[in-house]
Amino acid sequence: MKMLMPLVFALIFNFLTSATVVQDFNHVERCKDSLYMGTPPRGIIETKLKKICQRYADKPRYVTLYDPQKRIPVYSAYTFKKTEGDRRVDYPWMYEPQLAETDGNGNMLPFPTGYLHMKFEDSQAVLDDYSDVVLYERGHLNPDQHQSTPHDRAATYTLTNVVPEIREFNIGPWREYEERIRVRLNNFCRGTAYIVTGVTTRGNMIRRNNQDRVAIPEDVWSAYCCTDYDHNSPHDVRIRFPSHAVLAKNAKEGNSVHEMPVQELENFLKNHMDVDQNLQIFYDNCISPSPLPLYLQHTI
């Protein structure tokens, strides 16, 4: 029995450090690096939701709060990487094995061919859910053009990071917003920019084989936090730091992307998401930690 104990502990440790569906984003090393101050949005009621540490090639890339009943992410949170913004579309679509089973090495995997996907389609969306849908496209919450390395970009191509977006909205106002933010953060964010992008829903679903399969977002929202920014930037840019947010209707018309302070977005979400009144997207509202007074600096 004594000889078995180290093996048991090793197996438990291996599970905790490799599983991508976790009790807490802190449970996987480096997973929380995608979150400002290592802290996820506060106030979201998570009873039936799953926390995914999105791992690709054995490395955590970003995090997603996922709803397995609606089969869409509630939000994805990631760090923005400076990039030229070119889009790559030759990566395979992937799924999250850990939503359906507890074995494996914790990495997302490409969809298998044939009917093997049926074993996990109860817990997440599959390619068939999007194959015969004309109105909607797979819209990234963490978009590939906000990432720079091939592995970070490839990791955005998992169906646990996408939602059904009206085609005209996805290729129009929302793509323009993603590019606008890319240029803004490229040019004026000096440190790390943290982005959280999510959705609200109203009960509309994509159906397949007479079954409700994937929730269709009513609204798409996003917010960024960058506390180390260029204080000499133009005034119309400077007022959008250290944090700012946007909100848009996932619709064919009336789908303009509206910029607003993060607190204004939070007030909207309190009435349109399953959250409590303590909702806070960024720790301490993305206020940069105060530097120590000069007389205290010699003490550390």
Protein backbone atom coordinates (compact mmCIF):
# COMPACT_ATOMS: atom_id res chain seq x y z
CA MET A 1 0.00 0.00 0.00
CA LYS A 2 2.83 2.40 0.87
CA MET A 3 4.35 1.81 -2.54
CA LEU A 4 1.05 2.67 -4.22
CA MET A 5 0.64 6.04 -2.48
CA PRO A 6 3.28 7.94 -4.49
CA LEU A 7 1.72 6.59 -7.69
CA VAL A 8 -1.74 7.73 -6.59
CA PHE A 9 -0.47 11.23 -5.74
CA ALA A 10 1.39 11.38 -9.06
CA LEU A 11 -1.78 10.50 -10.96
CA ILE A 12 -3.78 13.11 -9.06
CA PHE A 13 -1.11 15.75 -9.67
CA ASN A 14 -0.94 14.87 -13.36
CA PHE A 15 -4.71 15.24 -13.67
CA LEU A 16 -4.79 18.59 -11.91
CA THR A 17 -1.97 19.99 -14.00
CA SER A 18 -3.12 18.70 -17.38
CA ALA A 19 -6.91 18.85 -17.32
CA THR A 20 -8.19 21.85 -19.19
CA VAL A 21 -11.64 21.94 -17.63
CA VAL A 22 -10.84 23.19 -14.14
CA GLN A 23 -12.51 24.21 -10.90
CA ASP A 24 -10.48 27.40 -10.89
CA PHE A 25 -8.26 29.07 -13.48
CA ASN A 26 -5.48 29.06 -10.86
CA HIS A 27 -5.40 25.25 -10.94
CA VAL A 28 -3.36 25.13 -14.14
CA GLU A 29 0.03 26.77 -14.13
CA ARG A 30 0.20 29.94 -16.27
CA CYS A 31 -3.50 29.70 -17.11
CA LYS A 32 -4.37 32.81 -15.12
CA ASP A 33 -1.76 34.82 -17.08
CA SER A 34 -4.56 35.54 -19.58
CA LEU A 35 -6.45 37.49 -16.90
CA TYR A 36 -5.69 40.97 -15.57
CA MET A 37 -4.13 40.55 -12.11
CA GLY A 38 -4.80 36.83 -12.53
CA THR A 39 -8.47 37.46 -11.72
CA PRO A 40 -11.48 36.41 -13.84
CA PRO A 41 -14.57 38.61 -14.21
CA ARG A 42 -16.43 38.75 -10.89
CA GLY A 43 -20.16 38.29 -10.36
CA ILE A 44 -21.04 35.81 -13.11
CA ILE A 45 -23.28 33.03 -11.78
CA GLU A 46 -21.34 29.93 -12.76
CA THR A 47 -23.41 27.06 -11.38
CA LYS A 48 -23.69 25.18 -14.70
CA LEU A 49 -20.72 26.70 -16.49
CA LYS A 50 -17.30 25.17 -17.20
CA LYS A 51 -13.95 26.91 -16.89
CA ILE A 52 -11.65 25.95 -19.75
CA CYS A 53 -7.95 26.62 -19.76
CA GLN A 54 -7.44 26.58 -23.53
CA ARG A 55 -4.32 24.48 -24.02
CA TYR A 56 -2.63 23.92 -27.35
CA ALA A 57 0.71 22.16 -27.89
CA ASP A 58 1.01 21.65 -24.12
CA LYS A 59 0.79 25.34 -23.28
CA PRO A 60 -2.13 27.40 -21.88
CA ARG A 61 -3.11 30.03 -24.47
CA TYR A 62 -6.20 31.76 -23.01
CA VAL A 63 -9.26 30.98 -20.90
CA THR A 64 -12.94 30.47 -21.67
CA LEU A 65 -16.03 30.30 -19.49
CA TYR A 66 -18.24 27.81 -21.34
CA ASP A 67 -21.92 26.93 -21.17
CA PRO A 68 -22.30 23.22 -22.09
CA GLN A 69 -26.11 23.50 -22.19
CA LYS A 70 -26.11 26.36 -24.69
CA ARG A 71 -22.92 24.98 -26.28
CA ILE A 72 -21.29 28.39 -26.60
CA PRO A 73 -18.73 30.37 -24.59
CA VAL A 74 -20.00 32.99 -22.14
CA TYR A 75 -16.68 34.76 -22.66
CA SER A 76 -13.08 34.19 -23.71
CA ALA A 77 -10.31 36.14 -21.98
CA TYR A 78 -6.88 36.58 -23.55
CA THR A 79 -3.83 38.78 -23.78
CA PHE A 80 -3.47 40.81 -26.95
CA LYS A 81 -0.30 40.16 -28.95
CA LYS A 82 1.08 42.85 -31.27
CA THR A 83 0.43 41.69 -34.80
CA GLU A 84 0.13 42.84 -38.40
CA GLY A 85 -3.46 41.61 -38.39
CA ASP A 86 -3.31 39.24 -41.33
CA ARG A 87 -5.87 36.44 -41.07
CA ARG A 88 -4.97 32.76 -41.30
CA VAL A 89 -7.71 30.32 -42.16
CA ASP A 90 -5.77 27.10 -42.77
CA TYR A 91 -5.90 25.83 -39.17
CA PRO A 92 -8.12 22.81 -38.41
CA TRP A 93 -11.16 23.31 -36.22
CA MET A 94 -10.82 21.71 -32.80
CA TYR A 95 -12.90 20.59 -29.84
CA GLU A 96 -12.34 20.26 -26.09
CA PRO A 97 -12.03 16.58 -25.03
CA GLN A 98 -12.14 17.51 -21.34
CA LEU A 99 -15.78 18.59 -21.58
CA ALA A 100 -16.73 15.01 -22.39
CA GLU A 101 -14.13 12.92 -20.55
CA THR A 102 -11.35 13.23 -18.01
CA ASP A 103 -8.58 11.38 -19.82
CA GLY A 104 -6.19 12.80 -22.37
CA ASN A 105 -3.35 15.26 -21.93
CA GLY A 106 -5.43 18.42 -21.60
CA ASN A 107 -4.88 19.75 -25.12
CA MET A 108 -7.63 20.72 -27.54
CA LEU A 109 -7.79 18.30 -30.47
CA PRO A 110 -8.81 18.47 -34.15
CA PHE A 111 -12.26 17.08 -34.87
CA PRO A 112 -12.15 13.38 -35.80
CA THR A 113 -13.63 12.21 -39.06
CA GLY A 114 -16.78 10.13 -39.30
CA TYR A 115 -19.15 9.66 -36.38
CA LEU A 116 -16.61 9.65 -33.56
CA HIS A 117 -17.71 13.18 -32.65
CA MET A 118 -21.04 11.84 -31.35
CA LYS A 119 -19.44 10.90 -28.04
CA PHE A 120 -18.83 14.54 -27.14
CA GLU A 121 -21.56 16.45 -28.99
CA ASP A 122 -23.76 16.45 -25.87
CA SER A 123 -21.29 18.72 -24.08
CA GLN A 124 -20.26 21.12 -26.88
CA ALA A 125 -20.92 22.29 -30.40
CA VAL A 126 -19.63 20.23 -33.33
CA LEU A 127 -18.99 21.08 -36.96
CA ASP A 128 -22.34 19.64 -38.04
CA ASP A 129 -24.10 22.32 -35.98
CA TYR A 130 -22.72 24.98 -38.32
CA SER A 131 -22.62 23.04 -41.61
CA ASP A 132 -26.15 23.72 -42.90
CA VAL A 133 -26.67 27.14 -41.36
CA VAL A 134 -26.88 29.90 -43.95
CA LEU A 135 -27.42 32.99 -41.77
CA TYR A 136 -24.63 32.42 -39.26
CA GLU A 137 -20.86 32.12 -39.27
CA ARG A 138 -18.45 30.87 -36.62
CA GLY A 139 -17.45 34.09 -34.89
CA HIS A 140 -14.29 34.07 -32.76
CA LEU A 141 -14.36 35.66 -29.32
CA ASN A 142 -10.56 35.49 -29.19
CA PRO A 143 -9.78 36.33 -32.84
CA ASP A 144 -6.71 34.99 -34.60
CA GLN A 145 -5.66 38.48 -35.74
CA HIS A 146 -5.19 39.49 -32.08
CA GLN A 147 -2.54 36.76 -31.75
CA SER A 148 0.91 36.57 -33.31
CA THR A 149 2.55 33.13 -33.08
CA PRO A 150 1.26 30.23 -35.20
CA HIS A 151 0.41 28.22 -32.06
CA ASP A 152 -1.48 31.08 -30.40
CA ARG A 153 -3.41 31.62 -33.61
CA ALA A 154 -4.17 27.95 -34.11
CA ALA A 155 -5.53 27.77 -30.55
CA THR A 156 -8.32 30.23 -31.44
CA TYR A 157 -9.81 27.67 -33.84
CA THR A 158 -11.75 25.67 -31.30
CA LEU A 159 -15.55 25.66 -31.32
CA THR A 160 -15.43 26.42 -27.59
CA ASN A 161 -14.14 29.89 -28.62
CA VAL A 162 -16.80 30.70 -31.22
CA VAL A 163 -20.46 31.69 -31.32
CA PRO A 164 -22.97 31.90 -34.19
CA GLU A 165 -22.70 35.41 -35.58
CA ILE A 166 -24.90 36.84 -38.32
CA ARG A 167 -22.70 36.87 -41.42
CA GLU A 168 -23.24 40.57 -42.20
CA PHE A 169 -22.33 41.48 -38.61
CA ASN A 170 -19.29 39.19 -38.44
CA ILE A 171 -17.64 40.35 -41.67
CA GLY A 172 -18.80 43.96 -41.27
CA PRO A 173 -19.00 45.97 -38.02
CA TRP A 174 -17.42 43.36 -35.75
CA ARG A 175 -14.43 42.70 -37.98
CA GLU A 176 -13.91 46.46 -38.31
CA TYR A 177 -13.98 46.74 -34.50
CA GLU A 178 -11.39 43.95 -34.08
CA GLU A 179 -9.11 45.75 -36.52
CA ARG A 180 -9.65 49.15 -34.85
CA ILE A 181 -8.73 47.74 -31.45
CA ARG A 182 -5.75 45.89 -32.92
CA VAL A 183 -4.33 49.14 -34.33
CA ARG A 184 -5.09 51.09 -31.11
CA LEU A 185 -3.42 48.56 -28.82
CA ASN A 186 -0.52 48.05 -31.23
CA ASN A 187 0.22 51.76 -31.29
CA PHE A 188 -0.63 53.00 -27.80
CA CYS A 189 -0.53 50.12 -25.29
CA ARG A 190 3.01 49.91 -23.92
CA GLY A 191 2.49 46.94 -21.60
CA THR A 192 0.15 43.95 -21.68
CA ALA A 193 -3.42 44.42 -22.88
CA TYR A 194 -6.03 42.07 -21.43
CA ILE A 195 -9.24 41.52 -23.40
CA VAL A 196 -12.49 39.83 -22.37
CA THR A 197 -15.07 39.22 -25.11
CA GLY A 198 -18.46 37.64 -24.47
CA VAL A 199 -22.12 37.43 -25.41
CA THR A 200 -25.66 37.71 -24.12
CA THR A 201 -28.45 35.35 -25.20
CA ARG A 202 -32.25 35.49 -25.36
CA GLY A 203 -33.16 31.85 -25.95
CA ASN A 204 -32.84 31.64 -29.75
CA MET A 205 -31.11 28.44 -30.85
CA ILE A 206 -29.64 26.78 -33.92
CA ARG A 207 -31.53 23.52 -34.33
CA ARG A 208 -30.30 20.26 -35.83
CA ASN A 209 -32.32 17.06 -36.19
CA ASN A 210 -35.25 18.80 -34.47
CA GLN A 211 -33.17 19.51 -31.38
CA ASP A 212 -31.96 22.79 -29.89
CA ARG A 213 -28.21 22.71 -30.35
CA VAL A 214 -26.37 26.05 -30.16
CA ALA A 215 -27.51 29.33 -28.59
CA ILE A 216 -27.51 32.38 -30.86
CA PRO A 217 -26.13 35.50 -29.17
CA GLU A 218 -28.33 38.56 -28.87
CA ASP A 219 -25.42 40.90 -28.15
CA VAL A 220 -21.65 40.65 -28.47
CA TRP A 221 -19.51 42.68 -26.07
CA SER A 222 -15.83 43.22 -25.42
CA ALA A 223 -13.60 45.14 -23.02
CA TYR A 224 -9.86 45.72 -22.77
CA CYS A 225 -7.53 46.77 -19.96
CA CYS A 226 -4.05 48.24 -20.50
CA THR A 227 -2.63 50.13 -17.53
CA ASP A 228 0.73 50.88 -19.17
CA TYR A 229 -0.14 53.10 -22.14
CA ASP A 230 1.19 56.11 -24.04
CA HIS A 231 0.16 59.17 -22.03
CA ASN A 232 1.21 61.39 -24.94
CA SER A 233 -1.30 59.81 -27.33
CA PRO A 234 -3.97 62.02 -28.94
CA HIS A 235 -6.78 63.03 -26.60
CA ASP A 236 -9.44 60.97 -28.41
CA VAL A 237 -7.22 57.91 -27.88
CA ARG A 238 -6.07 58.74 -24.34
CA ILE A 239 -9.64 58.91 -23.01
CA ARG A 240 -10.02 55.25 -24.06
CA PHE A 241 -7.31 54.12 -21.64
CA PRO A 242 -6.62 52.34 -19.38
CA SER A 243 -9.86 50.52 -20.19
CA HIS A 244 -12.72 50.72 -22.63
CA ALA A 245 -15.56 48.57 -23.89
CA VAL A 246 -17.90 47.97 -26.81
CA LEU A 247 -21.36 46.50 -27.33
CA ALA A 248 -23.17 45.48 -30.50
CA LYS A 249 -26.29 43.63 -31.65
CA ASN A 250 -25.69 40.33 -33.41
CA ALA A 251 -28.04 41.32 -36.21
CA LYS A 252 -28.24 41.89 -39.96
CA GLU A 253 -29.17 45.55 -39.48
CA GLY A 254 -28.81 47.95 -36.56
CA ASN A 255 -25.54 46.22 -35.70
CA SER A 256 -23.23 49.17 -35.12
CA VAL A 257 -20.48 48.67 -32.54
CA HIS A 258 -20.89 51.23 -29.73
CA GLU A 259 -17.85 52.21 -27.66
CA MET A 260 -18.40 53.01 -23.98
CA PRO A 261 -16.73 52.97 -20.55
CA VAL A 262 -16.41 49.50 -19.02
CA GLN A 263 -18.75 50.46 -16.16
CA GLU A 264 -21.49 51.35 -18.67
CA LEU A 265 -21.11 47.93 -20.28
CA GLU A 266 -21.27 46.27 -16.86
CA ASN A 267 -24.52 48.11 -16.08
CA PHE A 268 -26.01 46.80 -19.33
CA LEU A 269 -24.85 43.23 -18.64
CA LYS A 270 -26.41 43.25 -15.16
CA ASN A 271 -29.80 43.34 -16.90
CA HIS A 272 -28.97 40.98 -19.76
CA MET A 273 -26.79 38.20 -18.30
CA ASP A 274 -27.01 35.78 -15.41
CA VAL A 275 -24.86 37.92 -13.11
CA ASP A 276 -25.18 39.57 -9.73
CA GLN A 277 -24.86 43.25 -8.86
CA ASN A 278 -21.15 42.83 -8.06
CA LEU A 279 -20.26 42.23 -11.71
CA GLN A 280 -16.76 43.50 -12.44
CA ILE A 281 -15.01 42.56 -15.68
CA PHE A 282 -11.53 43.66 -14.56
CA TYR A 283 -10.07 43.46 -11.07
CA ASP A 284 -10.39 46.83 -9.33
CA ASN A 285 -11.82 48.30 -12.55
CA CYS A 286 -8.42 48.09 -14.29
CA ILE A 287 -6.91 50.75 -12.05
CA SER A 288 -3.16 50.41 -12.12
CA PRO A 289 -1.73 49.39 -8.74
CA SER A 290 -0.39 52.51 -7.03
CA PRO A 291 3.39 52.73 -6.81
CA LEU A 292 4.85 52.76 -3.32
CA PRO A 293 5.63 56.20 -1.87
CA LEU A 294 9.30 57.12 -2.13
CA TYR A 295 9.89 56.79 1.61
CA LEU A 296 8.73 53.16 1.50
CA GLN A 297 10.58 52.00 -1.60
CA HIS A 298 13.81 51.22 0.28
CA THR A 299 11.91 48.70 2.46
CA ILE A 300 11.39 46.14 -0.31
